[in-house]
Structures are given as structure tokens and as C-alpha cells.
Amino acid sequence: SYVDSVKGRFSISRDNTKATVYLQMDNLKVEDTAVYYCA
């Protein structure tokens, strides 16, 4: 799922064999500036 503000720009994926989740962020905007957390 994605919040509307990032739909079409961000993509989430996971590789359970590497125990890692990714967030690909494209076409970044100034308003994307923030501290990003995974949970």
C-alpha cells in the first residue's frame, strides 16, 4: 500500500532471504525532506 502523496513515485519491496526491505524513491520533491523510518 502507498499513501497518495507517494503513489507512482515510491516503490516498496522486500527480500526475505537478505532480511531487507527497500523503498525506492523516484522523482523526489523538496517536500519529501524528512527523517525516514522503517517499522
ModelCIF file with pLDDT and N, C-alpha, C, O atoms, coordinates in Angstrom:
data_MODEL
#
_entry.id   MODEL 
#
_entity.id                         1 
_entity.type                       polymer 
_entity.pdbx_number_of_molecules   1 
#
_entity_poly.entity_id                      1 
_entity_poly.type                           'polypeptide(L)' 
_entity_poly.nstd_linkage                   no 
_entity_poly.nstd_monomer                   no 
_entity_poly.pdbx_seq_one_letter_code       SYVDSVKGRFSISRDNTKATVYLQMDNLKVEDTAVYYCA 
_entity_poly.pdbx_seq_one_letter_code_can   SYVDSVKGRFSISRDNTKATVYLQMDNLKVEDTAVYYCA 
_entity_poly.pdbx_strand_id                 A 
#
loop_
_entity_poly_seq.entity_id 
_entity_poly_seq.num 
_entity_poly_seq.mon_id 
_entity_poly_seq.hetero 
1 1  SER n 
1 2  TYR n 
1 3  VAL n 
1 4  ASP n 
1 5  SER n 
1 6  VAL n 
1 7  LYS n 
1 8  GLY n 
1 9  ARG n 
1 10 PHE n 
1 11 SER n 
1 12 ILE n 
1 13 SER n 
1 14 ARG n 
1 15 ASP n 
1 16 ASN n 
1 17 THR n 
1 18 LYS n 
1 19 ALA n 
1 20 THR n 
1 21 VAL n 
1 22 TYR n 
1 23 LEU n 
1 24 GLN n 
1 25 MET n 
1 26 ASP n 
1 27 ASN n 
1 28 LEU n 
1 29 LYS n 
1 30 VAL n 
1 31 GLU n 
1 32 ASP n 
1 33 THR n 
1 34 ALA n 
1 35 VAL n 
1 36 TYR n 
1 37 TYR n 
1 38 CYS n 
1 39 ALA n 
#
_struct_asym.id          A 
_struct_asym.entity_id   1 
#
loop_
_ma_qa_metric.id 
_ma_qa_metric.mode 
_ma_qa_metric.name 
_ma_qa_metric.software_group_id 
_ma_qa_metric.type 
1 global pLDDT . pLDDT 
2 local  pLDDT . pLDDT 
#
_ma_qa_metric_global.metric_id      1 
_ma_qa_metric_global.metric_value   97.03 
_ma_qa_metric_global.model_id       1 
_ma_qa_metric_global.ordinal_id     1 
#
loop_
_ma_qa_metric_local.label_asym_id 
_ma_qa_metric_local.label_comp_id 
_ma_qa_metric_local.label_seq_id 
_ma_qa_metric_local.metric_id 
_ma_qa_metric_local.metric_value 
_ma_qa_metric_local.model_id 
_ma_qa_metric_local.ordinal_id 
A SER 1  2 96.00 1 1  
A TYR 2  2 97.00 1 2  
A VAL 3  2 97.00 1 3  
A ASP 4  2 97.00 1 4  
A SER 5  2 96.00 1 5  
A VAL 6  2 97.00 1 6  
A LYS 7  2 97.00 1 7  
A GLY 8  2 97.00 1 8  
A ARG 9  2 98.00 1 9  
A PHE 10 2 98.00 1 10 
A SER 11 2 98.00 1 11 
A ILE 12 2 98.00 1 12 
A SER 13 2 97.00 1 13 
A ARG 14 2 96.00 1 14 
A ASP 15 2 95.00 1 15 
A ASN 16 2 91.00 1 16 
A THR 17 2 92.00 1 17 
A LYS 18 2 95.00 1 18 
A ALA 19 2 95.00 1 19 
A THR 20 2 97.00 1 20 
A VAL 21 2 98.00 1 21 
A TYR 22 2 98.00 1 22 
A LEU 23 2 98.00 1 23 
A GLN 24 2 98.00 1 24 
A MET 25 2 98.00 1 25 
A ASP 26 2 98.00 1 26 
A ASN 27 2 98.00 1 27 
A LEU 28 2 98.00 1 28 
A LYS 29 2 98.00 1 29 
A VAL 30 2 97.00 1 30 
A GLU 31 2 97.00 1 31 
A ASP 32 2 98.00 1 32 
A THR 33 2 98.00 1 33 
A ALA 34 2 98.00 1 34 
A VAL 35 2 98.00 1 35 
A TYR 36 2 98.00 1 36 
A TYR 37 2 98.00 1 37 
A CYS 38 2 98.00 1 38 
A ALA 39 2 98.00 1 39 
#
loop_
_atom_site.group_PDB 
_atom_site.id 
_atom_site.type_symbol 
_atom_site.label_atom_id 
_atom_site.label_alt_id 
_atom_site.label_comp_id 
_atom_site.label_asym_id 
_atom_site.label_entity_id 
_atom_site.label_seq_id 
_atom_site.pdbx_PDB_ins_code 
_atom_site.Cartn_x 
_atom_site.Cartn_y 
_atom_site.Cartn_z 
_atom_site.occupancy 
_atom_site.B_iso_or_equiv 
_atom_site.pdbx_formal_charge 
_atom_site.auth_seq_id 
_atom_site.auth_comp_id 
_atom_site.auth_asym_id 
_atom_site.auth_atom_id 
_atom_site.pdbx_PDB_model_num 
ATOM 1   N N  . SER A 1 1  ? 0.843  -1.191  0.000  1.00 96.00 ? 1  SER A N  1 
ATOM 2   C CA . SER A 1 1  ? 0.000  0.000   0.000  1.00 96.00 ? 1  SER A CA 1 
ATOM 3   C C  . SER A 1 1  ? 0.875  1.237   0.000  1.00 96.00 ? 1  SER A C  1 
ATOM 4   O O  . SER A 1 1  ? 2.024  1.206   0.440  1.00 96.00 ? 1  SER A O  1 
ATOM 5   N N  . TYR A 1 2  ? 0.310  2.333   -0.504 1.00 97.00 ? 2  TYR A N  1 
ATOM 6   C CA . TYR A 1 2  ? 1.027  3.601   -0.585 1.00 97.00 ? 2  TYR A CA 1 
ATOM 7   C C  . TYR A 1 2  ? 0.072  4.734   -0.232 1.00 97.00 ? 2  TYR A C  1 
ATOM 8   O O  . TYR A 1 2  ? -1.114 4.694   -0.560 1.00 97.00 ? 2  TYR A O  1 
ATOM 9   N N  . VAL A 1 3  ? 0.604  5.730   0.433  1.00 97.00 ? 3  VAL A N  1 
ATOM 10  C CA . VAL A 1 3  ? -0.172 6.940   0.659  1.00 97.00 ? 3  VAL A CA 1 
ATOM 11  C C  . VAL A 1 3  ? -0.221 7.708   -0.666 1.00 97.00 ? 3  VAL A C  1 
ATOM 12  O O  . VAL A 1 3  ? 0.691  7.593   -1.486 1.00 97.00 ? 3  VAL A O  1 
ATOM 13  N N  . ASP A 1 4  ? -1.266 8.476   -0.870 1.00 97.00 ? 4  ASP A N  1 
ATOM 14  C CA . ASP A 1 4  ? -1.467 9.141   -2.152 1.00 97.00 ? 4  ASP A CA 1 
ATOM 15  C C  . ASP A 1 4  ? -0.284 10.022  -2.566 1.00 97.00 ? 4  ASP A C  1 
ATOM 16  O O  . ASP A 1 4  ? 0.035  10.112  -3.751 1.00 97.00 ? 4  ASP A O  1 
ATOM 17  N N  . SER A 1 5  ? 0.363  10.667  -1.601 1.00 96.00 ? 5  SER A N  1 
ATOM 18  C CA . SER A 1 5  ? 1.420  11.624  -1.923 1.00 96.00 ? 5  SER A CA 1 
ATOM 19  C C  . SER A 1 5  ? 2.654  10.970  -2.542 1.00 96.00 ? 5  SER A C  1 
ATOM 20  O O  . SER A 1 5  ? 3.484  11.662  -3.132 1.00 96.00 ? 5  SER A O  1 
ATOM 21  N N  . VAL A 1 6  ? 2.786  9.655   -2.418 1.00 97.00 ? 6  VAL A N  1 
ATOM 22  C CA . VAL A 1 6  ? 3.972  8.986   -2.974 1.00 97.00 ? 6  VAL A CA 1 
ATOM 23  C C  . VAL A 1 6  ? 3.625  7.954   -4.046 1.00 97.00 ? 6  VAL A C  1 
ATOM 24  O O  . VAL A 1 6  ? 4.521  7.362   -4.648 1.00 97.00 ? 6  VAL A O  1 
ATOM 25  N N  . LYS A 1 7  ? 2.346  7.736   -4.286 1.00 97.00 ? 7  LYS A N  1 
ATOM 26  C CA . LYS A 1 7  ? 1.950  6.765   -5.316 1.00 97.00 ? 7  LYS A CA 1 
ATOM 27  C C  . LYS A 1 7  ? 2.539  7.156   -6.665 1.00 97.00 ? 7  LYS A C  1 
ATOM 28  O O  . LYS A 1 7  ? 2.497  8.317   -7.072 1.00 97.00 ? 7  LYS A O  1 
ATOM 29  N N  . GLY A 1 8  ? 3.085  6.162   -7.343 1.00 97.00 ? 8  GLY A N  1 
ATOM 30  C CA . GLY A 1 8  ? 3.692  6.410   -8.647 1.00 97.00 ? 8  GLY A CA 1 
ATOM 31  C C  . GLY A 1 8  ? 5.122  6.894   -8.583 1.00 97.00 ? 8  GLY A C  1 
ATOM 32  O O  . GLY A 1 8  ? 5.812  6.926   -9.602 1.00 97.00 ? 8  GLY A O  1 
ATOM 33  N N  . ARG A 1 9  ? 5.583  7.275   -7.391 1.00 98.00 ? 9  ARG A N  1 
ATOM 34  C CA . ARG A 1 9  ? 6.973  7.742   -7.236 1.00 98.00 ? 9  ARG A CA 1 
ATOM 35  C C  . ARG A 1 9  ? 7.796  6.809   -6.354 1.00 98.00 ? 9  ARG A C  1 
ATOM 36  O O  . ARG A 1 9  ? 8.990  6.624   -6.591 1.00 98.00 ? 9  ARG A O  1 
ATOM 37  N N  . PHE A 1 10 ? 7.169  6.224   -5.347 1.00 98.00 ? 10 PHE A N  1 
ATOM 38  C CA . PHE A 1 10 ? 7.861  5.333   -4.416 1.00 98.00 ? 10 PHE A CA 1 
ATOM 39  C C  . PHE A 1 10 ? 7.415  3.896   -4.662 1.00 98.00 ? 10 PHE A C  1 
ATOM 40  O O  . PHE A 1 10 ? 6.277  3.633   -5.051 1.00 98.00 ? 10 PHE A O  1 
ATOM 41  N N  . SER A 1 11 ? 8.348  2.976   -4.422 1.00 98.00 ? 11 SER A N  1 
ATOM 42  C CA . SER A 1 11 ? 8.036  1.561   -4.588 1.00 98.00 ? 11 SER A CA 1 
ATOM 43  C C  . SER A 1 11 ? 8.683  0.771   -3.461 1.00 98.00 ? 11 SER A C  1 
ATOM 44  O O  . SER A 1 11 ? 9.882  0.889   -3.206 1.00 98.00 ? 11 SER A O  1 
ATOM 45  N N  . ILE A 1 12 ? 7.865  -0.039  -2.788 1.00 98.00 ? 12 ILE A N  1 
ATOM 46  C CA . ILE A 1 12 ? 8.367  -0.850  -1.676 1.00 98.00 ? 12 ILE A CA 1 
ATOM 47  C C  . ILE A 1 12 ? 8.563  -2.282  -2.150 1.00 98.00 ? 12 ILE A C  1 
ATOM 48  O O  . ILE A 1 12 ? 7.786  -2.799  -2.952 1.00 98.00 ? 12 ILE A O  1 
ATOM 49  N N  . SER A 1 13 ? 9.610  -2.910  -1.643 1.00 97.00 ? 13 SER A N  1 
ATOM 50  C CA . SER A 1 13 ? 9.875  -4.306  -1.973 1.00 97.00 ? 13 SER A CA 1 
ATOM 51  C C  . SER A 1 13 ? 10.613 -4.953  -0.810 1.00 97.00 ? 13 SER A C  1 
ATOM 52  O O  . SER A 1 13 ? 11.101 -4.269  0.090  1.00 97.00 ? 13 SER A O  1 
ATOM 53  N N  . ARG A 1 14 ? 10.688 -6.267  -0.841 1.00 96.00 ? 14 ARG A N  1 
ATOM 54  C CA . ARG A 1 14 ? 11.399 -6.959  0.233  1.00 96.00 ? 14 ARG A CA 1 
ATOM 55  C C  . ARG A 1 14 ? 12.109 -8.175  -0.322 1.00 96.00 ? 14 ARG A C  1 
ATOM 56  O O  . ARG A 1 14 ? 11.669 -8.789  -1.295 1.00 96.00 ? 14 ARG A O  1 
ATOM 57  N N  . ASP A 1 15 ? 13.211 -8.505  0.315  1.00 95.00 ? 15 ASP A N  1 
ATOM 58  C CA . ASP A 1 15 ? 13.955 -9.715  0.010  1.00 95.00 ? 15 ASP A CA 1 
ATOM 59  C C  . ASP A 1 15 ? 14.143 -10.434 1.345  1.00 95.00 ? 15 ASP A C  1 
ATOM 60  O O  . ASP A 1 15 ? 15.062 -10.127 2.104  1.00 95.00 ? 15 ASP A O  1 
ATOM 61  N N  . ASN A 1 16 ? 13.277 -11.376 1.611  1.00 91.00 ? 16 ASN A N  1 
ATOM 62  C CA . ASN A 1 16 ? 13.330 -12.055 2.906  1.00 91.00 ? 16 ASN A CA 1 
ATOM 63  C C  . ASN A 1 16 ? 14.600 -12.878 3.067  1.00 91.00 ? 16 ASN A C  1 
ATOM 64  O O  . ASN A 1 16 ? 15.033 -13.118 4.194  1.00 91.00 ? 16 ASN A O  1 
ATOM 65  N N  . THR A 1 17 ? 15.206 -13.314 1.971  1.00 92.00 ? 17 THR A N  1 
ATOM 66  C CA . THR A 1 17 ? 16.444 -14.086 2.072  1.00 92.00 ? 17 THR A CA 1 
ATOM 67  C C  . THR A 1 17 ? 17.595 -13.204 2.555  1.00 92.00 ? 17 THR A C  1 
ATOM 68  O O  . THR A 1 17 ? 18.546 -13.684 3.173  1.00 92.00 ? 17 THR A O  1 
ATOM 69  N N  . LYS A 1 18 ? 17.492 -11.905 2.264  1.00 95.00 ? 18 LYS A N  1 
ATOM 70  C CA . LYS A 1 18 ? 18.506 -10.957 2.730  1.00 95.00 ? 18 LYS A CA 1 
ATOM 71  C C  . LYS A 1 18 ? 18.029 -10.188 3.967  1.00 95.00 ? 18 LYS A C  1 
ATOM 72  O O  . LYS A 1 18 ? 18.737 -9.328  4.491  1.00 95.00 ? 18 LYS A O  1 
ATOM 73  N N  . ALA A 1 19 ? 16.824 -10.514 4.418  1.00 95.00 ? 19 ALA A N  1 
ATOM 74  C CA . ALA A 1 19 ? 16.248 -9.849  5.597  1.00 95.00 ? 19 ALA A CA 1 
ATOM 75  C C  . ALA A 1 19 ? 16.263 -8.334  5.428  1.00 95.00 ? 19 ALA A C  1 
ATOM 76  O O  . ALA A 1 19 ? 16.630 -7.598  6.345  1.00 95.00 ? 19 ALA A O  1 
ATOM 77  N N  . THR A 1 20 ? 15.867 -7.887  4.263  1.00 97.00 ? 20 THR A N  1 
ATOM 78  C CA . THR A 1 20 ? 15.923 -6.455  3.957  1.00 97.00 ? 20 THR A CA 1 
ATOM 79  C C  . THR A 1 20 ? 14.666 -6.023  3.202  1.00 97.00 ? 20 THR A C  1 
ATOM 80  O O  . THR A 1 20 ? 14.159 -6.735  2.336  1.00 97.00 ? 20 THR A O  1 
ATOM 81  N N  . VAL A 1 21 ? 14.186 -4.846  3.559  1.00 98.00 ? 21 VAL A N  1 
ATOM 82  C CA . VAL A 1 21 ? 13.083 -4.214  2.851  1.00 98.00 ? 21 VAL A CA 1 
ATOM 83  C C  . VAL A 1 21 ? 13.603 -2.918  2.257  1.00 98.00 ? 21 VAL A C  1 
ATOM 84  O O  . VAL A 1 21 ? 14.405 -2.214  2.871  1.00 98.00 ? 21 VAL A O  1 
ATOM 85  N N  . TYR A 1 22 ? 13.136 -2.612  1.056  1.00 98.00 ? 22 TYR A N  1 
ATOM 86  C CA . TYR A 1 22 ? 13.630 -1.453  0.333  1.00 98.00 ? 22 TYR A CA 1 
ATOM 87  C C  . TYR A 1 22 ? 12.489 -0.464  0.070  1.00 98.00 ? 22 TYR A C  1 
ATOM 88  O O  . TYR A 1 22 ? 11.321 -0.839  -0.030 1.00 98.00 ? 22 TYR A O  1 
ATOM 89  N N  . LEU A 1 23 ? 12.867 0.797   -0.037 1.00 98.00 ? 23 LEU A N  1 
ATOM 90  C CA . LEU A 1 23 ? 11.948 1.822   -0.509 1.00 98.00 ? 23 LEU A CA 1 
ATOM 91  C C  . LEU A 1 23 ? 12.661 2.598   -1.607 1.00 98.00 ? 23 LEU A C  1 
ATOM 92  O O  . LEU A 1 23 ? 13.543 3.416   -1.343 1.00 98.00 ? 23 LEU A O  1 
ATOM 93  N N  . GLN A 1 24 ? 12.264 2.326   -2.835 1.00 98.00 ? 24 GLN A N  1 
ATOM 94  C CA . GLN A 1 24 ? 12.807 3.056   -3.984 1.00 98.00 ? 24 GLN A CA 1 
ATOM 95  C C  . GLN A 1 24 ? 12.023 4.351   -4.131 1.00 98.00 ? 24 GLN A C  1 
ATOM 96  O O  . GLN A 1 24 ? 10.798 4.332   -4.253 1.00 98.00 ? 24 GLN A O  1 
ATOM 97  N N  . MET A 1 25 ? 12.727 5.467   -4.118 1.00 98.00 ? 25 MET A N  1 
ATOM 98  C CA . MET A 1 25 ? 12.085 6.775   -4.185 1.00 98.00 ? 25 MET A CA 1 
ATOM 99  C C  . MET A 1 25 ? 12.575 7.502   -5.428 1.00 98.00 ? 25 MET A C  1 
ATOM 100 O O  . MET A 1 25 ? 13.759 7.821   -5.543 1.00 98.00 ? 25 MET A O  1 
ATOM 101 N N  . ASP A 1 26 ? 11.679 7.759   -6.338 1.00 98.00 ? 26 ASP A N  1 
ATOM 102 C CA . ASP A 1 26 ? 11.997 8.440   -7.590 1.00 98.00 ? 26 ASP A CA 1 
ATOM 103 C C  . ASP A 1 26 ? 11.272 9.770   -7.660 1.00 98.00 ? 26 ASP A C  1 
ATOM 104 O O  . ASP A 1 26 ? 10.312 10.010  -6.928 1.00 98.00 ? 26 ASP A O  1 
ATOM 105 N N  . ASN A 1 27 ? 11.748 10.638  -8.560 1.00 98.00 ? 27 ASN A N  1 
ATOM 106 C CA . ASN A 1 27 ? 11.137 11.955  -8.748 1.00 98.00 ? 27 ASN A CA 1 
ATOM 107 C C  . ASN A 1 27 ? 10.923 12.653  -7.402 1.00 98.00 ? 27 ASN A C  1 
ATOM 108 O O  . ASN A 1 27 ? 9.827  13.121  -7.094 1.00 98.00 ? 27 ASN A O  1 
ATOM 109 N N  . LEU A 1 28 ? 11.979 12.709  -6.624 1.00 98.00 ? 28 LEU A N  1 
ATOM 110 C CA . LEU A 1 28 ? 11.873 13.277  -5.289 1.00 98.00 ? 28 LEU A CA 1 
ATOM 111 C C  . LEU A 1 28 ? 11.591 14.767  -5.348 1.00 98.00 ? 28 LEU A C  1 
ATOM 112 O O  . LEU A 1 28 ? 12.052 15.471  -6.246 1.00 98.00 ? 28 LEU A O  1 
ATOM 113 N N  . LYS A 1 29 ? 10.828 15.229  -4.376 1.00 98.00 ? 29 LYS A N  1 
ATOM 114 C CA . LYS A 1 29 ? 10.429 16.625  -4.275 1.00 98.00 ? 29 LYS A CA 1 
ATOM 115 C C  . LYS A 1 29 ? 10.959 17.224  -2.985 1.00 98.00 ? 29 LYS A C  1 
ATOM 116 O O  . LYS A 1 29 ? 11.285 16.502  -2.043 1.00 98.00 ? 29 LYS A O  1 
ATOM 117 N N  . VAL A 1 30 ? 11.044 18.534  -2.945 1.00 97.00 ? 30 VAL A N  1 
ATOM 118 C CA . VAL A 1 30 ? 11.533 19.210  -1.742 1.00 97.00 ? 30 VAL A CA 1 
ATOM 119 C C  . VAL A 1 30 ? 10.703 18.808  -0.529 1.00 97.00 ? 30 VAL A C  1 
ATOM 120 O O  . VAL A 1 30 ? 11.229 18.667  0.575  1.00 97.00 ? 30 VAL A O  1 
ATOM 121 N N  . GLU A 1 31 ? 9.417  18.626  -0.741 1.00 97.00 ? 31 GLU A N  1 
ATOM 122 C CA . GLU A 1 31 ? 8.532  18.276  0.387  1.00 97.00 ? 31 GLU A CA 1 
ATOM 123 C C  . GLU A 1 31 ? 8.712  16.836  0.880  1.00 97.00 ? 31 GLU A C  1 
ATOM 124 O O  . GLU A 1 31 ? 8.088  16.434  1.861  1.00 97.00 ? 31 GLU A O  1 
ATOM 125 N N  . ASP A 1 32 ? 9.560  16.066  0.203  1.00 98.00 ? 32 ASP A N  1 
ATOM 126 C CA . ASP A 1 32 ? 9.876  14.717  0.687  1.00 98.00 ? 32 ASP A CA 1 
ATOM 127 C C  . ASP A 1 32 ? 10.969 14.753  1.760  1.00 98.00 ? 32 ASP A C  1 
ATOM 128 O O  . ASP A 1 32 ? 11.284 13.721  2.353  1.00 98.00 ? 32 ASP A O  1 
ATOM 129 N N  . THR A 1 33 ? 11.537 15.910  2.008  1.00 98.00 ? 33 THR A N  1 
ATOM 130 C CA . THR A 1 33 ? 12.576 16.039  3.013  1.00 98.00 ? 33 THR A CA 1 
ATOM 131 C C  . THR A 1 33 ? 12.034 15.674  4.386  1.00 98.00 ? 33 THR A C  1 
ATOM 132 O O  . THR A 1 33 ? 11.040 16.237  4.843  1.00 98.00 ? 33 THR A O  1 
ATOM 133 N N  . ALA A 1 34 ? 12.697 14.728  5.037  1.00 98.00 ? 34 ALA A N  1 
ATOM 134 C CA . ALA A 1 34 ? 12.238 14.241  6.344  1.00 98.00 ? 34 ALA A CA 1 
ATOM 135 C C  . ALA A 1 34 ? 13.209 13.171  6.838  1.00 98.00 ? 34 ALA A C  1 
ATOM 136 O O  . ALA A 1 34 ? 14.107 12.743  6.114  1.00 98.00 ? 34 ALA A O  1 
ATOM 137 N N  . VAL A 1 35 ? 13.010 12.757  8.069  1.00 98.00 ? 35 VAL A N  1 
ATOM 138 C CA . VAL A 1 35 ? 13.658 11.550  8.574  1.00 98.00 ? 35 VAL A CA 1 
ATOM 139 C C  . VAL A 1 35 ? 12.742 10.372  8.252  1.00 98.00 ? 35 VAL A C  1 
ATOM 140 O O  . VAL A 1 35 ? 11.551 10.395  8.560  1.00 98.00 ? 35 VAL A O  1 
ATOM 141 N N  . TYR A 1 36 ? 13.307 9.359   7.638  1.00 98.00 ? 36 TYR A N  1 
ATOM 142 C CA . TYR A 1 36 ? 12.542 8.194   7.207  1.00 98.00 ? 36 TYR A CA 1 
ATOM 143 C C  . TYR A 1 36 ? 12.826 7.022   8.149  1.00 98.00 ? 36 TYR A C  1 
ATOM 144 O O  . TYR A 1 36 ? 13.974 6.727   8.480  1.00 98.00 ? 36 TYR A O  1 
ATOM 145 N N  . TYR A 1 37 ? 11.754 6.371   8.562  1.00 98.00 ? 37 TYR A N  1 
ATOM 146 C CA . TYR A 1 37 ? 11.836 5.250   9.489  1.00 98.00 ? 37 TYR A CA 1 
ATOM 147 C C  . TYR A 1 37 ? 11.186 4.015   8.880  1.00 98.00 ? 37 TYR A C  1 
ATOM 148 O O  . TYR A 1 37 ? 10.183 4.120   8.174  1.00 98.00 ? 37 TYR A O  1 
ATOM 149 N N  . CYS A 1 38 ? 11.756 2.847   9.155  1.00 98.00 ? 38 CYS A N  1 
ATOM 150 C CA . CYS A 1 38 ? 11.024 1.626   8.871  1.00 98.00 ? 38 CYS A CA 1 
ATOM 151 C C  . CYS A 1 38 ? 10.544 1.044   10.197 1.00 98.00 ? 38 CYS A C  1 
ATOM 152 O O  . CYS A 1 38 ? 11.152 1.253   11.247 1.00 98.00 ? 38 CYS A O  1 
ATOM 153 N N  . ALA A 1 39 ? 9.456  0.321   10.119 1.00 98.00 ? 39 ALA A N  1 
ATOM 154 C CA . ALA A 1 39 ? 8.844  -0.263  11.308 1.00 98.00 ? 39 ALA A CA 1 
ATOM 155 C C  . ALA A 1 39 ? 8.312  -1.643  10.962 1.00 98.00 ? 39 ALA A C  1 
ATOM 156 O O  . ALA A 1 39 ? 7.751  -2.322  11.823 1.00 98.00 ? 39 ALA A O  1 
#
